[in-house]
Amino acid sequence: MRCDVLAIGTELLLGQIVDTNSAWIGEQLAEAGIDTYDHRKIGDNLARMVASLRSLLDEADAVIVCGGLGPTPDDVTREMIAEVMGVELERHEDLIEEIKRIFGSRAREMTDNNLRQADIPVGAAPIPNPIGTAPGIRAVFPYGGREVAVYAVPGVPYEMQQMVRDHVLPDLLARSGEQAVIRSRSLKTWGTSESALAEMIDHRVEAQTNPTIAFLARGIEGLYVRMTAKAPTEAEAIALLDAEDAELRTILGELVFGIDDETMESTVLDLCRARGWTLGVAESLTGGLIGARVANVAGASEVFRGAVAAYATEVKRDVLGVTADSVVSEECAVQMAEAAQRVLGADVGIGITGVAGPAEQDGQPVGTVWYAIAVPGHPTEAVTARLPFDRERIRQFSTITVLNLLRLRLRSLA
């Protein structure tokens, strides 16, 4: 079965609201083993909405429509479905009473506009919404010589999600008659470009039909290699993913730092935890970004001692004891990493200093960054980079880069 998604709302086209609903629905359809090929966004214009829904139904067995079920005049999803079905709207008295009850429970008075939310196309059925005033719609009708289904759900995410989980997905599965499972896994990488990564695994991408392989560039979160497998059972889908995972890791090696929900910072904390080591950070141009990312990981307190954001030169000298003549230098980065160990009482220290701009510092051009890693029983190591980015991206890319350097250093230790 194929089920596509139509998101309604001019605000989506204007960028005033990001369409996270379609992504969530797509993920749920995939996990249920239902194919989805087309996700569209359309503004609050009835004629264009009708044309879009008809276009989707020309190809799909079902469509989930998200949004446009509110009480205002521009909420015309009901009218759209009725026109495509070729029927009128009818008002359901039981829905009116339910909407009144919800308003009463919130100590609010229902206005006449809300009566529109009780209108359902003739032949369709309402989908209950126990946590909101907008009932959904389930419409099953003949179209183009076959039977199709349209499900309308609210745009409010938590209302939409409950309705899709409790009503839409079970109905789709019952209609499909096929019990297939689709599972995905993302290998997260850092340390190479998207084009170089593509060249490394191009032969795997071309050879695979199940699992399929795709690339997702996620900026400061890394480059993702996403595998998607379809099989009759979850165990078989996982087995397909495991086999391809092993092939890709053989090729990509240390570029892979995690999978799915794992982050660079969670990986670093896990590596420190495995050795019983704590972590401290002394950061300059990143101004607290490293510490914030590490502290955001659940359970970070078991490993993370803290961070000193020594942005000003006098703070580097007075708090961290930096004596290097230039604060944008290998010597300064090394002294900061070792100060993170000493001042914060940590086993492992990160030091980072550089020039994020807009002007050069100590004769060093914008984009110059020094990274240093200090670990017990080994000399402190430092490396430099020249980043050709704007100020914000220099800071963000430096944050994940130094964490990746620590990851690699920890993995290299005997």
Foldseek 3Di string as FASTA:
>chain_A
DEEEEEEEAPCCVVVVDPPPVRVVVCVVCQQQVHHYDDYYYDYLDLVVLLVVVLVVVVPGQEYEYEALLDLDPSSCPQVSVLVNQVFDKDFDPVLVVLLQVLCVVVVHGDDPSLSSLRIHTPQWDWQDQNNDSHTKIWHWHDDPNRIHIYIYFYNPVVSRVVSCVPPVSVVVCVVVVARKGKDKKKFFFDDDDPVVLCVLCVVVQVPDDAFHWDWDADQLQGIIIMTMGMDNDPVVSVVSVVVVVVVSCVRCPLRGQDMDPDGLLNSLLVLCVVVQWAEFEEEELLQCPLQVVNVVDPPSVSHYLGYHHQHDPVCLCPVQVQDDPFCLDQSNQQSRQVSRCVNSVTQKGKGKDAALDPAHGPPHGHQWMKIWIDHPPDRIDIDIDRDPDHSVSSSSNVSSVNSSVSSVVSVPDD
